[in-house]
Amino acid sequence: MVARLNPYLHFDNSARAALDFYHSIFGGNLNITTYSQGGMTQNPADAEKIMHGQLESEVLILMASDSPSTMAVTLGSAISMSLSGDDEPVLRGYWRGLAEGAQITMPLKRAPWGDTFGSLTDKFGVPWMVNISDRRG
């Protein structure tokens, strides 16, 4: 098997909502296991939190979980999710979906390097970049 690098997002208590949101945008198969289903419940307050969630679509494999109550979560700006390609209608559709409730940091528009580019932080605090390649070369 070929190795793959997959983003894994950690949330305080919103992994299910985030995964459902991304699933509504990217489609694919979504599998979710709670701490109680995984036999990993040490604190009853964590029982229905997401121990592991995985969304697999044509575009991405995205994993996420809720951190247990004993671990703090700090969302930061050290990493961004990046979508890129040359299928403009598809990428604009992803942008529209991600922009729902988001803070737009750079509107999706023609960039100095010739592509169409935009960035936002979605309603779950996850930074995203979308780059649509200029097919004209």
N, C-alpha and C. Protein backbone atom coordinates (compact mmCIF):
# COMPACT_ATOMS: atom_id res chain seq x y z
N MET A 1 0.84 -1.20 0.00
CA MET A 1 0.00 0.00 0.00
C MET A 1 0.88 1.25 0.00
N VAL A 2 0.46 2.23 -0.73
CA VAL A 2 1.15 3.51 -0.77
C VAL A 2 0.80 4.30 0.48
N ALA A 3 1.76 4.99 1.04
CA ALA A 3 1.50 5.84 2.21
C ALA A 3 0.74 7.08 1.79
N ARG A 4 -0.12 7.58 2.68
CA ARG A 4 -0.89 8.80 2.42
C ARG A 4 -0.78 9.72 3.61
N LEU A 5 -0.80 10.99 3.34
CA LEU A 5 -0.87 12.01 4.38
C LEU A 5 -2.31 12.50 4.44
N ASN A 6 -2.94 12.35 5.60
CA ASN A 6 -4.34 12.76 5.77
C ASN A 6 -4.44 13.79 6.88
N PRO A 7 -5.16 14.86 6.66
CA PRO A 7 -5.38 15.82 7.75
C PRO A 7 -6.24 15.19 8.84
N TYR A 8 -5.88 15.48 10.09
CA TYR A 8 -6.64 14.99 11.24
C TYR A 8 -6.93 16.20 12.11
N LEU A 9 -8.20 16.57 12.20
CA LEU A 9 -8.62 17.75 12.94
C LEU A 9 -9.11 17.36 14.33
N HIS A 10 -8.74 18.15 15.32
CA HIS A 10 -9.17 17.91 16.70
C HIS A 10 -10.09 19.04 17.13
N PHE A 11 -11.21 18.67 17.73
CA PHE A 11 -12.21 19.64 18.17
C PHE A 11 -12.47 19.47 19.66
N ASP A 12 -13.06 20.51 20.25
CA ASP A 12 -13.41 20.45 21.67
C ASP A 12 -14.66 19.60 21.86
N ASN A 13 -15.70 19.87 21.08
CA ASN A 13 -16.93 19.09 21.19
C ASN A 13 -17.80 19.30 19.95
N SER A 14 -17.18 19.54 18.81
CA SER A 14 -17.97 19.80 17.61
C SER A 14 -17.54 18.96 16.41
N ALA A 15 -16.84 17.85 16.65
CA ALA A 15 -16.37 17.01 15.54
C ALA A 15 -17.53 16.47 14.71
N ARG A 16 -18.60 16.03 15.37
CA ARG A 16 -19.74 15.48 14.62
C ARG A 16 -20.35 16.55 13.71
N ALA A 17 -20.58 17.73 14.25
CA ALA A 17 -21.16 18.81 13.44
C ALA A 17 -20.22 19.19 12.30
N ALA A 18 -18.92 19.26 12.58
CA ALA A 18 -17.95 19.61 11.54
C ALA A 18 -17.92 18.54 10.45
N LEU A 19 -17.85 17.27 10.84
CA LEU A 19 -17.82 16.20 9.85
C LEU A 19 -19.11 16.16 9.03
N ASP A 20 -20.25 16.36 9.67
CA ASP A 20 -21.52 16.42 8.93
C ASP A 20 -21.51 17.57 7.93
N PHE A 21 -20.98 18.71 8.35
CA PHE A 21 -20.88 19.89 7.48
C PHE A 21 -19.99 19.59 6.28
N TYR A 22 -18.79 19.05 6.51
CA TYR A 22 -17.87 18.73 5.41
C TYR A 22 -18.47 17.65 4.51
N HIS A 23 -19.18 16.69 5.09
CA HIS A 23 -19.84 15.65 4.31
C HIS A 23 -20.89 16.26 3.38
N SER A 24 -21.60 17.28 3.85
CA SER A 24 -22.62 17.93 3.01
C SER A 24 -21.98 18.67 1.83
N ILE A 25 -20.74 19.06 1.97
CA ILE A 25 -20.04 19.77 0.90
C ILE A 25 -19.33 18.82 -0.05
N PHE A 26 -18.56 17.86 0.50
CA PHE A 26 -17.70 17.01 -0.31
C PHE A 26 -18.30 15.66 -0.66
N GLY A 27 -19.43 15.29 -0.03
CA GLY A 27 -20.02 13.99 -0.28
C GLY A 27 -19.13 12.88 0.24
N GLY A 28 -19.29 11.68 -0.29
CA GLY A 28 -18.46 10.55 0.11
C GLY A 28 -19.06 9.74 1.24
N ASN A 29 -18.21 8.94 1.87
CA ASN A 29 -18.63 8.07 2.97
C ASN A 29 -18.10 8.62 4.28
N LEU A 30 -18.99 8.71 5.26
CA LEU A 30 -18.63 9.22 6.58
C LEU A 30 -18.84 8.11 7.60
N ASN A 31 -17.79 7.80 8.35
CA ASN A 31 -17.87 6.81 9.43
C ASN A 31 -17.47 7.49 10.72
N ILE A 32 -18.29 7.28 11.76
CA ILE A 32 -18.06 7.93 13.05
C ILE A 32 -18.14 6.88 14.15
N THR A 33 -17.18 6.95 15.08
CA THR A 33 -17.17 6.10 16.27
C THR A 33 -17.06 6.99 17.50
N THR A 34 -17.96 6.82 18.46
CA THR A 34 -17.89 7.58 19.70
C THR A 34 -16.94 6.88 20.68
N TYR A 35 -16.58 7.59 21.74
CA TYR A 35 -15.72 6.98 22.75
C TYR A 35 -16.40 5.76 23.37
N SER A 36 -17.71 5.82 23.60
CA SER A 36 -18.40 4.67 24.20
C SER A 36 -18.43 3.49 23.23
N GLN A 37 -18.64 3.74 21.94
CA GLN A 37 -18.63 2.66 20.95
C GLN A 37 -17.25 2.02 20.84
N GLY A 38 -16.21 2.83 21.02
CA GLY A 38 -14.84 2.34 20.91
C GLY A 38 -14.30 1.75 22.20
N GLY A 39 -15.13 1.74 23.25
CA GLY A 39 -14.69 1.19 24.53
C GLY A 39 -13.63 2.04 25.21
N MET A 40 -13.62 3.31 24.93
CA MET A 40 -12.57 4.20 25.46
C MET A 40 -13.13 5.25 26.41
N THR A 41 -14.28 4.98 27.02
CA THR A 41 -14.90 5.97 27.90
C THR A 41 -14.34 5.86 29.30
N GLN A 42 -13.53 6.84 29.69
CA GLN A 42 -13.05 6.91 31.06
C GLN A 42 -13.86 7.92 31.85
N ASN A 43 -14.36 8.92 31.16
CA ASN A 43 -15.19 9.95 31.77
C ASN A 43 -16.57 9.87 31.11
N PRO A 44 -17.63 9.67 31.89
CA PRO A 44 -18.97 9.58 31.30
C PRO A 44 -19.34 10.79 30.44
N ALA A 45 -18.77 11.95 30.73
CA ALA A 45 -19.07 13.15 29.93
C ALA A 45 -18.53 13.03 28.51
N ASP A 46 -17.58 12.12 28.28
CA ASP A 46 -16.98 11.95 26.96
C ASP A 46 -17.65 10.86 26.13
N ALA A 47 -18.60 10.13 26.70
CA ALA A 47 -19.16 8.94 26.07
C ALA A 47 -19.65 9.16 24.65
N GLU A 48 -20.34 10.26 24.38
CA GLU A 48 -20.90 10.49 23.05
C GLU A 48 -20.04 11.42 22.19
N LYS A 49 -18.89 11.82 22.71
CA LYS A 49 -17.96 12.58 21.88
C LYS A 49 -17.38 11.66 20.81
N ILE A 50 -16.86 12.25 19.75
CA ILE A 50 -16.32 11.48 18.64
C ILE A 50 -14.88 11.06 18.95
N MET A 51 -14.67 9.74 19.03
CA MET A 51 -13.33 9.20 19.22
C MET A 51 -12.56 9.24 17.90
N HIS A 52 -13.27 8.89 16.81
CA HIS A 52 -12.66 8.93 15.48
C HIS A 52 -13.76 9.06 14.44
N GLY A 53 -13.57 10.00 13.54
CA GLY A 53 -14.46 10.15 12.40
C GLY A 53 -13.62 10.23 11.14
N GLN A 54 -14.12 9.63 10.07
CA GLN A 54 -13.38 9.67 8.81
C GLN A 54 -14.35 9.90 7.66
N LEU A 55 -14.04 10.93 6.88
CA LEU A 55 -14.78 11.25 5.67
C LEU A 55 -13.88 10.95 4.49
N GLU A 56 -14.34 10.06 3.62
CA GLU A 56 -13.57 9.72 2.44
C GLU A 56 -14.41 10.00 1.21
N SER A 57 -13.90 10.89 0.35
CA SER A 57 -14.59 11.23 -0.89
C SER A 57 -13.58 11.21 -2.03
N GLU A 58 -14.04 11.56 -3.22
CA GLU A 58 -13.13 11.63 -4.36
C GLU A 58 -12.05 12.68 -4.15
N VAL A 59 -12.35 13.68 -3.33
CA VAL A 59 -11.47 14.83 -3.16
C VAL A 59 -10.51 14.66 -1.99
N LEU A 60 -10.95 14.00 -0.92
CA LEU A 60 -10.12 13.99 0.28
C LEU A 60 -10.43 12.82 1.19
N ILE A 61 -9.50 12.58 2.09
CA ILE A 61 -9.73 11.75 3.27
C ILE A 61 -9.47 12.68 4.44
N LEU A 62 -10.50 12.94 5.21
CA LEU A 62 -10.42 13.86 6.33
C LEU A 62 -10.81 13.11 7.60
N MET A 63 -9.94 13.19 8.60
CA MET A 63 -10.21 12.54 9.88
C MET A 63 -10.39 13.60 10.95
N ALA A 64 -11.20 13.28 11.96
CA ALA A 64 -11.43 14.25 13.03
C ALA A 64 -11.87 13.52 14.29
N SER A 65 -11.68 14.20 15.42
CA SER A 65 -12.14 13.66 16.70
C SER A 65 -12.40 14.81 17.66
N ASP A 66 -13.14 14.50 18.72
CA ASP A 66 -13.27 15.40 19.86
C ASP A 66 -12.22 14.99 20.87
N SER A 67 -11.46 15.94 21.36
CA SER A 67 -10.48 15.60 22.39
C SER A 67 -11.22 15.26 23.67
N PRO A 68 -10.73 14.28 24.42
CA PRO A 68 -11.38 13.96 25.69
C PRO A 68 -11.28 15.14 26.65
N SER A 69 -12.13 15.14 27.66
CA SER A 69 -12.19 16.27 28.59
C SER A 69 -10.88 16.51 29.33
N THR A 70 -9.99 15.53 29.36
CA THR A 70 -8.70 15.69 30.03
C THR A 70 -7.66 16.39 29.16
N MET A 71 -7.98 16.64 27.89
CA MET A 71 -7.03 17.26 26.97
C MET A 71 -7.60 18.56 26.41
N ALA A 72 -6.82 19.62 26.51
CA ALA A 72 -7.25 20.92 25.98
C ALA A 72 -7.06 20.96 24.46
N VAL A 73 -7.93 21.69 23.80
CA VAL A 73 -7.84 21.88 22.35
C VAL A 73 -7.56 23.35 22.08
N THR A 74 -6.56 23.60 21.25
CA THR A 74 -6.25 24.96 20.85
C THR A 74 -6.24 25.00 19.33
N LEU A 75 -7.24 25.66 18.76
CA LEU A 75 -7.25 25.83 17.31
C LEU A 75 -6.31 26.98 16.99
N GLY A 76 -5.45 26.76 16.01
CA GLY A 76 -4.46 27.79 15.70
C GLY A 76 -4.36 28.06 14.22
N SER A 77 -3.41 28.89 13.88
CA SER A 77 -3.23 29.28 12.49
C SER A 77 -1.97 28.68 11.90
N ALA A 78 -1.45 27.61 12.48
CA ALA A 78 -0.22 27.01 12.00
C ALA A 78 -0.43 26.12 10.78
N ILE A 79 -1.68 25.84 10.45
CA ILE A 79 -1.95 24.95 9.33
C ILE A 79 -3.26 25.37 8.66
N SER A 80 -3.36 25.13 7.37
CA SER A 80 -4.60 25.39 6.62
C SER A 80 -4.91 24.19 5.75
N MET A 81 -6.18 23.96 5.53
CA MET A 81 -6.61 22.97 4.56
C MET A 81 -6.58 23.67 3.20
N SER A 82 -6.06 22.98 2.18
CA SER A 82 -5.94 23.60 0.87
C SER A 82 -6.59 22.73 -0.19
N LEU A 83 -7.50 23.33 -0.95
CA LEU A 83 -8.13 22.66 -2.09
C LEU A 83 -7.62 23.33 -3.35
N SER A 84 -7.16 22.53 -4.31
CA SER A 84 -6.66 23.13 -5.55
C SER A 84 -6.98 22.21 -6.72
N GLY A 85 -7.07 22.81 -7.89
CA GLY A 85 -7.35 22.06 -9.10
C GLY A 85 -7.79 23.01 -10.19
N ASP A 86 -8.24 22.45 -11.32
CA ASP A 86 -8.65 23.31 -12.43
C ASP A 86 -10.13 23.17 -12.78
N ASP A 87 -10.88 22.42 -11.98
CA ASP A 87 -12.32 22.28 -12.23
C ASP A 87 -13.06 23.41 -11.50
N GLU A 88 -13.18 24.53 -12.19
CA GLU A 88 -13.72 25.74 -11.56
C GLU A 88 -15.12 25.56 -10.96
N PRO A 89 -16.08 24.96 -11.67
CA PRO A 89 -17.41 24.82 -11.06
C PRO A 89 -17.38 24.00 -9.77
N VAL A 90 -16.61 22.93 -9.75
CA VAL A 90 -16.53 22.08 -8.56
C VAL A 90 -15.89 22.85 -7.40
N LEU A 91 -14.77 23.50 -7.66
CA LEU A 91 -14.07 24.22 -6.60
C LEU A 91 -14.88 25.42 -6.10
N ARG A 92 -15.58 26.10 -6.99
CA ARG A 92 -16.45 27.20 -6.54
C ARG A 92 -17.59 26.67 -5.67
N GLY A 93 -18.09 25.48 -6.00
CA GLY A 93 -19.11 24.86 -5.17
C GLY A 93 -18.60 24.54 -3.77
N TYR A 94 -17.37 24.02 -3.68
CA TYR A 94 -16.77 23.77 -2.37
C TYR A 94 -16.61 25.08 -1.61
N TRP A 95 -16.16 26.12 -2.31
CA TRP A 95 -15.99 27.43 -1.67
C TRP A 95 -17.31 27.92 -1.09
N ARG A 96 -18.38 27.85 -1.89
CA ARG A 96 -19.69 28.31 -1.41
C ARG A 96 -20.11 27.54 -0.16
N GLY A 97 -19.90 26.24 -0.16
CA GLY A 97 -20.26 25.44 1.00
C GLY A 97 -19.46 25.80 2.23
N LEU A 98 -18.15 25.90 2.07
CA LEU A 98 -17.27 26.23 3.20
C LEU A 98 -17.52 27.64 3.71
N ALA A 99 -17.95 28.54 2.83
CA ALA A 99 -18.16 29.95 3.20
C ALA A 99 -19.39 30.16 4.08
N GLU A 100 -20.25 29.15 4.18
CA GLU A 100 -21.45 29.27 5.01
C GLU A 100 -21.03 29.46 6.48
N GLY A 101 -21.30 30.64 7.00
CA GLY A 101 -20.95 30.95 8.39
C GLY A 101 -19.47 31.19 8.62
N ALA A 102 -18.70 31.34 7.56
CA ALA A 102 -17.25 31.50 7.66
C ALA A 102 -16.83 32.96 7.76
N GLN A 103 -15.59 33.16 8.16
CA GLN A 103 -14.96 34.48 8.08
C GLN A 103 -14.09 34.46 6.83
N ILE A 104 -14.44 35.26 5.85
CA ILE A 104 -13.68 35.32 4.60
C ILE A 104 -12.46 36.19 4.84
N THR A 105 -11.28 35.61 4.70
CA THR A 105 -10.05 36.39 4.89
C THR A 105 -9.55 36.96 3.57
N MET A 106 -9.83 36.27 2.47
CA MET A 106 -9.50 36.77 1.14
C MET A 106 -10.57 36.25 0.19
N PRO A 107 -11.36 37.13 -0.40
CA PRO A 107 -12.42 36.68 -1.32
C PRO A 107 -11.85 35.87 -2.48
N LEU A 108 -12.65 34.95 -2.99
CA LEU A 108 -12.24 34.12 -4.12
C LEU A 108 -12.25 35.00 -5.38
N LYS A 109 -11.06 35.33 -5.86
CA LYS A 109 -10.94 36.18 -7.05
C LYS A 109 -9.58 35.97 -7.70
N ARG A 110 -9.40 36.57 -8.85
CA ARG A 110 -8.15 36.44 -9.61
C ARG A 110 -6.98 36.93 -8.76
N ALA A 111 -5.94 36.10 -8.67
CA ALA A 111 -4.75 36.42 -7.88
C ALA A 111 -3.63 36.91 -8.81
N PRO A 112 -2.62 37.58 -8.26
CA PRO A 112 -1.52 38.09 -9.08
C PRO A 112 -0.81 37.02 -9.91
N TRP A 113 -0.82 35.77 -9.46
CA TRP A 113 -0.14 34.71 -10.20
C TRP A 113 -1.01 34.11 -11.30
N GLY A 114 -2.23 34.65 -11.48
CA GLY A 114 -3.08 34.24 -12.60
C GLY A 114 -4.18 33.27 -12.25
N ASP A 115 -4.08 32.58 -11.12
CA ASP A 115 -5.13 31.66 -10.70
C ASP A 115 -6.21 32.43 -9.95
N THR A 116 -7.30 31.75 -9.66
CA THR A 116 -8.34 32.30 -8.79
C THR A 116 -8.10 31.73 -7.40
N PHE A 117 -8.01 32.59 -6.40
CA PHE A 117 -7.62 32.16 -5.06
C PHE A 117 -8.48 32.86 -4.01
N GLY A 118 -8.77 32.14 -2.94
CA GLY A 118 -9.45 32.72 -1.80
C GLY A 118 -9.12 31.95 -0.54
N SER A 119 -9.30 32.60 0.59
CA SER A 119 -9.08 31.91 1.87
C SER A 119 -10.16 32.33 2.86
N LEU A 120 -10.47 31.41 3.76
CA LEU A 120 -11.49 31.66 4.77
C LEU A 120 -11.21 30.79 5.99
N THR A 121 -11.85 31.15 7.08
CA THR A 121 -11.85 30.31 8.27
C THR A 121 -13.30 29.88 8.47
N ASP A 122 -13.54 28.57 8.40
CA ASP A 122 -14.92 28.09 8.44
C ASP A 122 -15.54 28.26 9.82
N LYS A 123 -16.80 27.94 9.93
CA LYS A 123 -17.54 28.17 11.17
C LYS A 123 -17.06 27.31 12.32
N PHE A 124 -16.14 26.37 12.05
CA PHE A 124 -15.56 25.55 13.11
C PHE A 124 -14.15 26.00 13.47
N GLY A 125 -13.70 27.12 12.87
CA GLY A 125 -12.38 27.65 13.17
C GLY A 125 -11.26 27.04 12.35
N VAL A 126 -11.59 26.29 11.29
CA VAL A 126 -10.59 25.65 10.45
C VAL A 126 -10.29 26.54 9.25
N PRO A 127 -9.00 26.91 9.06
CA PRO A 127 -8.63 27.73 7.91
C PRO A 127 -8.59 26.90 6.62
N TRP A 128 -9.11 27.46 5.54
CA TRP A 128 -9.14 26.81 4.22
C TRP A 128 -8.61 27.78 3.17
N MET A 129 -7.92 27.23 2.17
CA MET A 129 -7.51 27.97 0.98
C MET A 129 -8.06 27.23 -0.23
N VAL A 130 -8.55 27.97 -1.21
CA VAL A 130 -9.03 27.38 -2.46
C VAL A 130 -8.29 28.06 -3.60
N ASN A 131 -7.65 27.26 -4.46
CA ASN A 131 -6.91 27.78 -5.60
C ASN A 131 -7.42 27.08 -6.86
N ILE A 132 -7.95 27.87 -7.80
CA ILE A 132 -8.44 27.35 -9.07
C ILE A 132 -7.42 27.73 -10.13
N SER A 133 -6.76 26.71 -10.69
CA SER A 133 -5.71 26.95 -11.68
C SER A 133 -6.28 27.59 -12.94
N ASP A 134 -5.49 28.47 -13.52
CA ASP A 134 -5.85 29.09 -14.79
C ASP A 134 -5.54 28.10 -15.89
N ARG A 135 -6.56 27.55 -16.53
CA ARG A 135 -6.37 26.53 -17.58
C ARG A 135 -5.64 27.07 -18.80
N ARG A 136 -5.61 28.38 -18.93
CA ARG A 136 -4.96 28.96 -20.12
C ARG A 136 -3.45 28.86 -20.03
N GLY A 137 -2.94 28.47 -18.86
CA GLY A 137 -1.50 28.27 -18.70
C GLY A 137 -0.82 29.50 -18.34
